[in-house]
Amino acid sequence: MRILALLLLPFSFAARAQFPYDLRHPDKVHALPSELMEVSALTDVDERTVACVQDEDAVLYLLDLGTGRITGKRAFGSPGDLEGLTRVGQEYYALRSDGLIYRMAMGAEAMQVLDTFRVRVAQHNLEGLGYDERRGLILIAPKGVEKGNPRTRDRRVIHAYDPLARVVLPAPALELSVEHVIAQARRAGFTVPERTTPKGRAVPALKLRFSSVAVDPVSDQYYLLSAVDRTLLVVDRGGALVALHLLDAGLFPKPEGITFLPGGTLLISNEGKDARPNLLRFERRTR
């Protein structure tokens, strides 16, 4: 095990040094209107436009990335706990926290609902949707954790839905151990959040309750937001840690949505908390 840790160190530090986004200095900050106070998810439409949804409101909002203004609204269902959104070609998928998914096409005045279905997985409280273009799979990120023994509670998964076969695949797209993520992060020199026990002992406080998931189109890595931790976890397709970033509370009051533009620009949305909701834009840095 010690040999393995030593072998992992050079890769981890190199990955940290090459992280392509400066999360402390967004290239653009859009203050969003109050009707998007609980913006919960977003996805790219094109290089200039994103679509987003907000909690309790089955409406797709179109947002201009040049001005930060809402340019259109498309209703698609009854009010509910809407938490996830992703685009697959010309179709859009919206996720309710209880597993109900809307498959839709863009209409002139309202979304055209093509289908609704429910996904059933071991975890409850589903929050994030993303699209893995390389594999042609929709990624489903649970915020909830399975009950059971410590090993079960330590497990985190990203489920894969095949939109052609219309089934959740039996094997997850990604499986992680919180304990292993913490060990990798510490070896690589990343800060891991901690809490103090009643006996005064400092222990890890990383929960990794995912609120959103996206795949970087340039690096092909998974980007996972955990709003409850205010962290961004980046891993490769094998689950090896690339980065763990504790996000600044001033910039990221409640990070709930993440997506990429085709060229690799990173977008993160924040629900309003003690301030207005916002959308942060991070351009990809080249070395």
C-alpha atoms as a PDB file:
ATOM      1  CA  MET A   1       0.000   0.000   0.000  1.00  0.00           C
ATOM      2  CA  ARG A   2       2.847   2.364   0.787  1.00  0.00           C
ATOM      3  CA  ILE A   3       4.414   1.661  -2.607  1.00  0.00           C
ATOM      4  CA  LEU A   4       1.073   2.372  -4.295  1.00  0.00           C
ATOM      5  CA  ALA A   5       0.768   5.698  -2.486  1.00  0.00           C
ATOM      6  CA  LEU A   6       4.264   6.712  -3.617  1.00  0.00           C
ATOM      7  CA  LEU A   7       3.447   5.806  -7.190  1.00  0.00           C
ATOM      8  CA  LEU A   8       0.276   7.892  -7.097  1.00  0.00           C
ATOM      9  CA  LEU A   9       1.920  11.037  -5.778  1.00  0.00           C
ATOM     10  CA  PRO A  10       3.655  12.303  -8.940  1.00  0.00           C
ATOM     11  CA  PHE A  11       0.505  11.859 -11.040  1.00  0.00           C
ATOM     12  CA  SER A  12      -1.680  13.597  -8.449  1.00  0.00           C
ATOM     13  CA  PHE A  13       0.585  16.617  -8.045  1.00  0.00           C
ATOM     14  CA  ALA A  14       0.977  16.926 -11.809  1.00  0.00           C
ATOM     15  CA  ALA A  15      -2.798  16.810 -12.233  1.00  0.00           C
ATOM     16  CA  ARG A  16      -3.187  19.524  -9.622  1.00  0.00           C
ATOM     17  CA  ALA A  17      -0.634  21.776 -11.286  1.00  0.00           C
ATOM     18  CA  GLN A  18      -2.391  21.428 -14.670  1.00  0.00           C
ATOM     19  CA  PHE A  19      -5.964  22.092 -13.511  1.00  0.00           C
ATOM     20  CA  PRO A  20      -7.354  24.240 -16.325  1.00  0.00           C
ATOM     21  CA  TYR A  21      -9.675  26.599 -14.423  1.00  0.00           C
ATOM     22  CA  ASP A  22      -8.991  29.340 -11.889  1.00  0.00           C
ATOM     23  CA  LEU A  23     -11.977  28.821  -9.610  1.00  0.00           C
ATOM     24  CA  ARG A  24     -11.063  31.853  -7.501  1.00  0.00           C
ATOM     25  CA  HIS A  25     -11.386  34.275 -10.425  1.00  0.00           C
ATOM     26  CA  PRO A  26     -14.339  33.734 -12.776  1.00  0.00           C
ATOM     27  CA  ASP A  27     -14.035  35.354 -16.182  1.00  0.00           C
ATOM     28  CA  LYS A  28     -17.626  36.511 -15.934  1.00  0.00           C
ATOM     29  CA  VAL A  29     -20.270  36.662 -13.206  1.00  0.00           C
ATOM     30  CA  HIS A  30     -23.926  37.006 -14.138  1.00  0.00           C
ATOM     31  CA  ALA A  31     -26.322  38.051 -11.374  1.00  0.00           C
ATOM     32  CA  LEU A  32     -29.501  36.154 -12.223  1.00  0.00           C
ATOM     33  CA  PRO A  33     -33.040  37.535 -11.854  1.00  0.00           C
ATOM     34  CA  SER A  34     -35.003  36.765  -8.712  1.00  0.00           C
ATOM     35  CA  GLU A  35     -37.297  34.318 -10.516  1.00  0.00           C
ATOM     36  CA  LEU A  36     -34.250  32.026 -10.736  1.00  0.00           C
ATOM     37  CA  MET A  37     -33.563  32.311  -6.997  1.00  0.00           C
ATOM     38  CA  GLU A  38     -33.569  28.508  -6.680  1.00  0.00           C
ATOM     39  CA  VAL A  39     -31.844  27.704  -9.973  1.00  0.00           C
ATOM     40  CA  SER A  40     -31.072  24.023  -9.626  1.00  0.00           C
ATOM     41  CA  ALA A  41     -29.604  22.844 -12.929  1.00  0.00           C
ATOM     42  CA  LEU A  42     -28.385  24.018 -16.314  1.00  0.00           C
ATOM     43  CA  THR A  43     -27.194  22.688 -19.654  1.00  0.00           C
ATOM     44  CA  ASP A  44     -25.682  24.181 -22.772  1.00  0.00           C
ATOM     45  CA  VAL A  45     -27.883  24.988 -25.774  1.00  0.00           C
ATOM     46  CA  ASP A  46     -25.167  26.554 -27.944  1.00  0.00           C
ATOM     47  CA  GLU A  47     -22.063  28.691 -27.448  1.00  0.00           C
ATOM     48  CA  ARG A  48     -24.161  31.698 -26.425  1.00  0.00           C
ATOM     49  CA  THR A  49     -27.156  30.169 -24.651  1.00  0.00           C
ATOM     50  CA  VAL A  50     -27.831  27.918 -21.681  1.00  0.00           C
ATOM     51  CA  ALA A  51     -31.077  26.379 -20.487  1.00  0.00           C
ATOM     52  CA  CYS A  52     -31.856  26.057 -16.789  1.00  0.00           C
ATOM     53  CA  VAL A  53     -34.589  24.989 -14.402  1.00  0.00           C
ATOM     54  CA  GLN A  54     -35.334  25.969 -10.854  1.00  0.00           C
ATOM     55  CA  ASP A  55     -36.657  24.082  -7.879  1.00  0.00           C
ATOM     56  CA  GLU A  56     -40.458  23.689  -7.693  1.00  0.00           C
ATOM     57  CA  ASP A  57     -40.997  25.156 -11.165  1.00  0.00           C
ATOM     58  CA  ALA A  58     -41.369  22.913 -14.262  1.00  0.00           C
ATOM     59  CA  VAL A  59     -40.269  25.631 -16.640  1.00  0.00           C
ATOM     60  CA  LEU A  60     -37.204  25.680 -18.880  1.00  0.00           C
ATOM     61  CA  TYR A  61     -35.541  29.106 -18.914  1.00  0.00           C
ATOM     62  CA  LEU A  62     -33.257  30.223 -21.765  1.00  0.00           C
ATOM     63  CA  LEU A  63     -30.405  32.458 -20.679  1.00  0.00           C
ATOM     64  CA  ASP A  64     -28.198  34.593 -22.927  1.00  0.00           C
ATOM     65  CA  LEU A  65     -24.542  34.221 -21.886  1.00  0.00           C
ATOM     66  CA  GLY A  66     -23.663  37.607 -23.347  1.00  0.00           C
ATOM     67  CA  THR A  67     -26.131  39.624 -21.291  1.00  0.00           C
ATOM     68  CA  GLY A  68     -27.147  37.220 -18.519  1.00  0.00           C
ATOM     69  CA  ARG A  69     -30.789  37.896 -19.352  1.00  0.00           C
ATOM     70  CA  ILE A  70     -33.668  35.463 -19.726  1.00  0.00           C
ATOM     71  CA  THR A  71     -34.615  35.317 -23.411  1.00  0.00           C
ATOM     72  CA  GLY A  72     -37.363  32.715 -23.219  1.00  0.00           C
ATOM     73  CA  LYS A  73     -39.436  30.431 -21.009  1.00  0.00           C
ATOM     74  CA  ARG A  74     -40.946  27.072 -21.871  1.00  0.00           C
ATOM     75  CA  ALA A  75     -43.306  25.302 -19.436  1.00  0.00           C
ATOM     76  CA  PHE A  76     -43.373  21.506 -19.470  1.00  0.00           C
ATOM     77  CA  GLY A  77     -45.203  20.117 -16.454  1.00  0.00           C
ATOM     78  CA  SER A  78     -46.722  20.529 -13.031  1.00  0.00           C
ATOM     79  CA  PRO A  79     -44.768  22.189 -10.229  1.00  0.00           C
ATOM     80  CA  GLY A  80     -42.364  19.782  -8.532  1.00  0.00           C
ATOM     81  CA  ASP A  81     -38.879  19.383  -7.123  1.00  0.00           C
ATOM     82  CA  LEU A  82     -36.968  19.849 -10.403  1.00  0.00           C
ATOM     83  CA  GLU A  83     -33.269  19.205  -9.838  1.00  0.00           C
ATOM     84  CA  GLY A  84     -31.530  18.059 -13.035  1.00  0.00           C
ATOM     85  CA  LEU A  85     -31.311  19.072 -16.689  1.00  0.00           C
ATOM     86  CA  THR A  86     -29.244  17.937 -19.669  1.00  0.00           C
ATOM     87  CA  ARG A  87     -29.341  18.117 -23.455  1.00  0.00           C
ATOM     88  CA  VAL A  88     -28.958  15.092 -25.748  1.00  0.00           C
ATOM     89  CA  GLY A  89     -28.765  16.325 -29.331  1.00  0.00           C
ATOM     90  CA  GLN A  90     -31.988  18.237 -29.931  1.00  0.00           C
ATOM     91  CA  GLU A  91     -33.758  16.720 -26.926  1.00  0.00           C
ATOM     92  CA  TYR A  92     -33.785  17.855 -23.294  1.00  0.00           C
ATOM     93  CA  TYR A  93     -34.144  15.709 -20.187  1.00  0.00           C
ATOM     94  CA  ALA A  94     -35.329  17.205 -16.889  1.00  0.00           C
ATOM     95  CA  LEU A  95     -35.121  15.291 -13.599  1.00  0.00           C
ATOM     96  CA  ARG A  96     -37.418  15.487 -10.590  1.00  0.00           C
ATOM     97  CA  SER A  97     -35.872  14.445  -7.277  1.00  0.00           C
ATOM     98  CA  ASP A  98     -38.173  11.404  -6.971  1.00  0.00           C
ATOM     99  CA  GLY A  99     -36.784   9.954 -10.216  1.00  0.00           C
ATOM    100  CA  LEU A 100     -39.385  11.222 -12.682  1.00  0.00           C
ATOM    101  CA  ILE A 101     -37.741  12.304 -15.944  1.00  0.00           C
ATOM    102  CA  TYR A 102     -39.238  14.418 -18.722  1.00  0.00           C
ATOM    103  CA  ARG A 103     -37.928  13.856 -22.278  1.00  0.00           C
ATOM    104  CA  MET A 104     -38.679  16.956 -24.330  1.00  0.00           C
ATOM    105  CA  ALA A 105     -38.112  18.895 -27.534  1.00  0.00           C
ATOM    106  CA  MET A 106     -37.931  22.671 -27.754  1.00  0.00           C
ATOM    107  CA  GLY A 107     -41.228  24.229 -28.782  1.00  0.00           C
ATOM    108  CA  ALA A 108     -41.969  27.784 -29.846  1.00  0.00           C
ATOM    109  CA  GLU A 109     -43.969  28.624 -26.720  1.00  0.00           C
ATOM    110  CA  ALA A 110     -43.751  25.517 -24.516  1.00  0.00           C
ATOM    111  CA  MET A 111     -41.607  22.410 -24.317  1.00  0.00           C
ATOM    112  CA  GLN A 112     -42.993  19.471 -26.273  1.00  0.00           C
ATOM    113  CA  VAL A 113     -43.046  16.577 -23.796  1.00  0.00           C
ATOM    114  CA  LEU A 114     -42.168  13.440 -25.765  1.00  0.00           C
ATOM    115  CA  ASP A 115     -42.213  11.054 -22.830  1.00  0.00           C
ATOM    116  CA  THR A 116     -42.127  10.806 -19.052  1.00  0.00           C
ATOM    117  CA  PHE A 117     -40.690   7.899 -17.120  1.00  0.00           C
ATOM    118  CA  ARG A 118     -39.336   7.109 -13.681  1.00  0.00           C
ATOM    119  CA  VAL A 119     -35.883   5.715 -12.884  1.00  0.00           C
ATOM    120  CA  ARG A 120     -35.519   3.515  -9.822  1.00  0.00           C
ATOM    121  CA  VAL A 121     -32.154   3.240  -8.122  1.00  0.00           C
ATOM    122  CA  ALA A 122     -30.993   2.311  -4.624  1.00  0.00           C
ATOM    123  CA  GLN A 123     -30.395   5.914  -3.586  1.00  0.00           C
ATOM    124  CA  HIS A 124     -33.168   8.440  -3.062  1.00  0.00           C
ATOM    125  CA  ASN A 125     -33.234  12.192  -3.711  1.00  0.00           C
ATOM    126  CA  LEU A 126     -31.806  12.348  -7.227  1.00  0.00           C
ATOM    127  CA  GLU A 127     -30.342  15.733  -8.087  1.00  0.00           C
ATOM    128  CA  GLY A 128     -28.033  15.805 -11.099  1.00  0.00           C
ATOM    129  CA  LEU A 129     -28.260  14.987 -14.791  1.00  0.00           C
ATOM    130  CA  GLY A 130     -25.382  15.154 -17.265  1.00  0.00           C
ATOM    131  CA  TYR A 131     -24.604  13.721 -20.670  1.00  0.00           C
ATOM    132  CA  ASP A 132     -21.621  11.519 -21.465  1.00  0.00           C
ATOM    133  CA  GLU A 133     -21.332  12.141 -25.188  1.00  0.00           C
ATOM    134  CA  ARG A 134     -18.530   9.632 -25.732  1.00  0.00           C
ATOM    135  CA  ARG A 135     -20.625   6.742 -24.387  1.00  0.00           C
ATOM    136  CA  GLY A 136     -24.017   8.138 -25.378  1.00  0.00           C
ATOM    137  CA  LEU A 137     -25.297   7.842 -21.804  1.00  0.00           C
ATOM    138  CA  ILE A 138     -27.211  10.147 -19.471  1.00  0.00           C
ATOM    139  CA  LEU A 139     -25.564  10.426 -16.052  1.00  0.00           C
ATOM    140  CA  ILE A 140     -27.741  10.493 -12.927  1.00  0.00           C
ATOM    141  CA  ALA A 141     -26.217  11.857  -9.713  1.00  0.00           C
ATOM    142  CA  PRO A 142     -27.942  10.970  -6.410  1.00  0.00           C
ATOM    143  CA  LYS A 143     -27.707  13.288  -3.444  1.00  0.00           C
ATOM    144  CA  GLY A 144     -29.022  10.538  -1.179  1.00  0.00           C
ATOM    145  CA  VAL A 145     -26.876   7.731   0.220  1.00  0.00           C
ATOM    146  CA  GLU A 146     -27.810   4.069   0.624  1.00  0.00           C
ATOM    147  CA  LYS A 147     -28.551   2.901   4.147  1.00  0.00           C
ATOM    148  CA  GLY A 148     -26.679  -0.039   5.570  1.00  0.00           C
ATOM    149  CA  ASN A 149     -23.263  -0.880   6.943  1.00  0.00           C
ATOM    150  CA  PRO A 150     -20.337   1.598   6.897  1.00  0.00           C
ATOM    151  CA  ARG A 151     -19.066   0.270   3.571  1.00  0.00           C
ATOM    152  CA  THR A 152     -22.452   0.818   1.926  1.00  0.00           C
ATOM    153  CA  ARG A 153     -22.768   4.324   3.387  1.00  0.00           C
ATOM    154  CA  ASP A 154     -19.252   5.123   2.127  1.00  0.00           C
ATOM    155  CA  ARG A 155     -20.213   4.277  -1.470  1.00  0.00           C
ATOM    156  CA  ARG A 156     -21.042   6.981  -4.015  1.00  0.00           C
ATOM    157  CA  VAL A 157     -22.250   6.197  -7.521  1.00  0.00           C
ATOM    158  CA  ILE A 158     -23.210   7.941 -10.731  1.00  0.00           C
ATOM    159  CA  HIS A 159     -25.838   5.921 -12.559  1.00  0.00           C
ATOM    160  CA  ALA A 160     -26.012   5.583 -16.349  1.00  0.00           C
ATOM    161  CA  TYR A 161     -29.235   5.747 -18.359  1.00  0.00           C
ATOM    162  CA  ASP A 162     -29.180   4.585 -21.973  1.00  0.00           C
ATOM    163  CA  PRO A 163     -31.562   6.899 -23.908  1.00  0.00           C
ATOM    164  CA  LEU A 164     -31.719   4.494 -26.877  1.00  0.00           C
ATOM    165  CA  ALA A 165     -32.493   1.339 -24.901  1.00  0.00           C
ATOM    166  CA  ARG A 166     -34.415   3.450 -22.333  1.00  0.00           C
ATOM    167  CA  VAL A 167     -33.022   1.616 -19.317  1.00  0.00           C
ATOM    168  CA  VAL A 168     -30.767   2.346 -16.367  1.00  0.00           C
ATOM    169  CA  LEU A 169     -27.696   0.193 -16.884  1.00  0.00           C
ATOM    170  CA  PRO A 170     -26.982  -2.380 -14.153  1.00  0.00           C
ATOM    171  CA  ALA A 171     -23.386  -1.170 -13.734  1.00  0.00           C
ATOM    172  CA  PRO A 172     -22.897   2.458 -12.644  1.00  0.00           C
ATOM    173  CA  ALA A 173     -20.987   4.857 -14.869  1.00  0.00           C
ATOM    174  CA  LEU A 174     -18.816   5.729 -11.872  1.00  0.00           C
ATOM    175  CA  GLU A 175     -18.365   4.284  -8.381  1.00  0.00           C
ATOM    176  CA  LEU A 176     -16.408   6.034  -5.638  1.00  0.00           C
ATOM    177  CA  SER A 177     -15.511   5.531  -1.987  1.00  0.00           C
ATOM    178  CA  VAL A 178     -15.531   8.669   0.162  1.00  0.00           C
ATOM    179  CA  GLU A 179     -12.756   7.165   2.261  1.00  0.00           C
ATOM    180  CA  HIS A 180     -10.600   6.565  -0.814  1.00  0.00           C
ATOM    181  CA  VAL A 181     -11.288  10.052  -2.193  1.00  0.00           C
ATOM    182  CA  ILE A 182     -10.126  11.555   1.111  1.00  0.00           C
ATOM    183  CA  ALA A 183      -6.960   9.423   1.069  1.00  0.00           C
ATOM    184  CA  GLN A 184      -6.144  10.406  -2.519  1.00  0.00           C
ATOM    185  CA  ALA A 185      -6.838  14.087  -1.851  1.00  0.00           C
ATOM    186  CA  ARG A 186      -4.544  14.163   1.170  1.00  0.00           C
ATOM    187  CA  ARG A 187      -1.744  12.427  -0.717  1.00  0.00           C
ATOM    188  CA  ALA A 188      -2.046  14.993  -3.484  1.00  0.00           C
ATOM    189  CA  GLY A 189      -2.024  17.932  -1.063  1.00  0.00           C
ATOM    190  CA  PHE A 190      -5.640  19.033  -1.462  1.00  0.00           C
ATOM    191  CA  THR A 191      -7.465  20.424   1.561  1.00  0.00           C
ATOM    192  CA  VAL A 192     -10.122  18.094   2.963  1.00  0.00           C
ATOM    193  CA  PRO A 193     -12.893  19.689   5.059  1.00  0.00           C
ATOM    194  CA  GLU A 194     -12.836  18.665   8.714  1.00  0.00           C
ATOM    195  CA  ARG A 195     -15.035  18.854  11.781  1.00  0.00           C
ATOM    196  CA  THR A 196     -14.211  18.565  15.469  1.00  0.00           C
ATOM    197  CA  THR A 197     -15.778  15.736  17.462  1.00  0.00           C
ATOM    198  CA  PRO A 198     -17.202  16.311  20.985  1.00  0.00           C
ATOM    199  CA  LYS A 199     -13.913  14.862  22.266  1.00  0.00           C
ATOM    200  CA  GLY A 200     -11.945  17.506  20.372  1.00  0.00           C
ATOM    201  CA  ARG A 201     -10.617  15.258  17.623  1.00  0.00           C
ATOM    202  CA  ALA A 202     -10.445  16.562  14.027  1.00  0.00           C
ATOM    203  CA  VAL A 203     -12.030  14.147  11.539  1.00  0.00           C
ATOM    204  CA  PRO A 204     -12.893  14.429   7.815  1.00  0.00           C
ATOM    205  CA  ALA A 205     -16.213  16.102   7.100  1.00  0.00           C
ATOM    206  CA  LEU A 206     -16.421  15.402   3.369  1.00  0.00           C
ATOM    207  CA  LYS A 207     -19.909  14.119   2.500  1.00  0.00           C
ATOM    208  CA  LEU A 208     -19.967  14.120  -1.318  1.00  0.00           C
ATOM    209  CA  ARG A 209     -23.724  14.445  -1.719  1.00  0.00           C
ATOM    210  CA  PHE A 210     -23.779  15.274  -5.416  1.00  0.00           C
ATOM    211  CA  SER A 211     -25.965  18.062  -6.737  1.00  0.00           C
ATOM    212  CA  SER A 212     -24.755  17.989 -10.359  1.00  0.00           C
ATOM    213  CA  VAL A 213     -22.477  16.128 -12.775  1.00  0.00           C
ATOM    214  CA  ALA A 214     -20.874  17.005 -16.120  1.00  0.00           C
ATOM    215  CA  VAL A 215     -18.182  15.622 -18.425  1.00  0.00           C
ATOM    216  CA  ASP A 216     -15.405  17.946 -19.571  1.00  0.00           C
ATOM    217  CA  PRO A 217     -15.421  17.699 -23.392  1.00  0.00           C
ATOM    218  CA  VAL A 218     -11.677  18.398 -23.548  1.00  0.00           C
ATOM    219  CA  SER A 219     -10.192  16.225 -20.759  1.00  0.00           C
ATOM    220  CA  ASP A 220     -13.022  13.627 -20.715  1.00  0.00           C
ATOM    221  CA  GLN A 221     -13.066  13.827 -16.895  1.00  0.00           C
ATOM    222  CA  TYR A 222     -16.079  13.826 -14.559  1.00  0.00           C
ATOM    223  CA  TYR A 223     -16.853  17.077 -12.694  1.00  0.00           C
ATOM    224  CA  LEU A 224     -19.037  16.514  -9.618  1.00  0.00           C
ATOM    225  CA  LEU A 225     -20.558  19.284  -7.500  1.00  0.00           C
ATOM    226  CA  SER A 226     -21.461  18.701  -3.861  1.00  0.00           C
ATOM    227  CA  ALA A 227     -23.395  21.753  -2.690  1.00  0.00           C
ATOM    228  CA  VAL A 228     -23.599  20.565   0.921  1.00  0.00           C
ATOM    229  CA  ASP A 229     -19.770  20.446   1.064  1.00  0.00           C
ATOM    230  CA  ARG A 230     -19.371  23.390  -1.309  1.00  0.00           C
ATOM    231  CA  THR A 231     -16.816  21.270  -3.198  1.00  0.00           C
ATOM    232  CA  LEU A 232     -15.958  20.392  -6.782  1.00  0.00           C
ATOM    233  CA  LEU A 233     -14.579  16.876  -7.226  1.00  0.00           C
ATOM    234  CA  VAL A 234     -12.867  15.953 -10.496  1.00  0.00           C
ATOM    235  CA  VAL A 235     -12.049  12.328 -11.307  1.00  0.00           C
ATOM    236  CA  ASP A 236     -11.040  10.391 -14.402  1.00  0.00           C
ATOM    237  CA  ARG A 237     -13.151   7.642 -15.935  1.00  0.00           C
ATOM    238  CA  GLY A 238     -11.574   5.081 -13.638  1.00  0.00           C
ATOM    239  CA  GLY A 239     -12.505   7.104 -10.542  1.00  0.00           C
ATOM    240  CA  ALA A 240      -8.941   8.273  -9.780  1.00  0.00           C
ATOM    241  CA  LEU A 241      -8.867  11.716  -8.210  1.00  0.00           C
ATOM    242  CA  VAL A 242      -7.727  14.604 -10.377  1.00  0.00           C
ATOM    243  CA  ALA A 243      -8.744  17.493  -8.111  1.00  0.00           C
ATOM    244  CA  LEU A 244     -10.772  18.372  -5.029  1.00  0.00           C
ATOM    245  CA  HIS A 245     -11.562  22.052  -4.671  1.00  0.00           C
ATOM    246  CA  LEU A 246     -13.205  23.718  -1.676  1.00  0.00           C
ATOM    247  CA  LEU A 247     -15.235  26.508  -3.248  1.00  0.00           C
ATOM    248  CA  ASP A 248     -15.235  30.033  -1.818  1.00  0.00           C
ATOM    249  CA  ALA A 249     -18.545  30.804  -0.096  1.00  0.00           C
ATOM    250  CA  GLY A 250     -18.518  34.368  -1.424  1.00  0.00           C
ATOM    251  CA  LEU A 251     -18.422  33.194  -5.035  1.00  0.00           C
ATOM    252  CA  PHE A 252     -20.307  29.930  -4.558  1.00  0.00           C
ATOM    253  CA  PRO A 253     -23.098  30.459  -1.996  1.00  0.00           C
ATOM    254  CA  LYS A 254     -24.881  27.249  -3.094  1.00  0.00           C
ATOM    255  CA  PRO A 255     -23.400  25.569  -6.198  1.00  0.00           C
ATOM    256  CA  GLU A 256     -26.179  23.471  -7.714  1.00  0.00           C
ATOM    257  CA  GLY A 257     -25.589  23.354 -11.482  1.00  0.00           C
ATOM    258  CA  ILE A 258     -22.607  22.637 -13.715  1.00  0.00           C
ATOM    259  CA  THR A 259     -22.151  22.303 -17.465  1.00  0.00           C
ATOM    260  CA  PHE A 260     -19.590  22.890 -20.211  1.00  0.00           C
ATOM    261  CA  LEU A 261     -19.765  24.692 -23.516  1.00  0.00           C
ATOM    262  CA  PRO A 262     -18.470  22.646 -26.481  1.00  0.00           C
ATOM    263  CA  GLY A 263     -15.057  24.353 -26.419  1.00  0.00           C
ATOM    264  CA  GLY A 264     -14.476  23.583 -22.737  1.00  0.00           C
ATOM    265  CA  THR A 265     -15.751  26.748 -21.024  1.00  0.00           C
ATOM    266  CA  LEU A 266     -17.002  25.812 -17.537  1.00  0.00           C
ATOM    267  CA  LEU A 267     -20.287  27.193 -16.181  1.00  0.00           C
ATOM    268  CA  ILE A 268     -21.475  26.866 -12.572  1.00  0.00           C
ATOM    269  CA  SER A 269     -24.787  28.201 -11.259  1.00  0.00           C
ATOM    270  CA  ASN A 270     -25.548  29.098  -7.649  1.00  0.00           C
ATOM    271  CA  GLU A 271     -28.897  29.295  -5.939  1.00  0.00           C
ATOM    272  CA  GLY A 272     -29.520  32.523  -4.099  1.00  0.00           C
ATOM    273  CA  LYS A 273     -28.863  32.364  -0.392  1.00  0.00           C
ATOM    274  CA  ASP A 274     -28.045  35.669   1.273  1.00  0.00           C
ATOM    275  CA  ALA A 275     -27.619  37.289  -2.135  1.00  0.00           C
ATOM    276  CA  ARG A 276     -28.927  36.987  -5.699  1.00  0.00           C
ATOM    277  CA  PRO A 277     -28.423  33.747  -7.606  1.00  0.00           C
ATOM    278  CA  ASN A 278     -25.611  33.838 -10.107  1.00  0.00           C
ATOM    279  CA  LEU A 279     -23.919  32.119 -13.013  1.00  0.00           C
ATOM    280  CA  LEU A 280     -20.113  31.934 -13.083  1.00  0.00           C
ATOM    281  CA  ARG A 281     -18.129  31.487 -16.283  1.00  0.00           C
ATOM    282  CA  PHE A 282     -14.589  30.079 -16.313  1.00  0.00           C
ATOM    283  CA  GLU A 283     -12.594  30.026 -19.533  1.00  0.00           C
ATOM    284  CA  ARG A 284     -10.226  27.133 -20.056  1.00  0.00           C
ATOM    285  CA  ARG A 285      -6.606  28.131 -19.561  1.00  0.00           C
ATOM    286  CA  THR A 286      -3.941  26.898 -21.958  1.00  0.00           C
ATOM    287  CA  ARG A 287      -0.313  26.393 -20.939  1.00  0.00           C
END
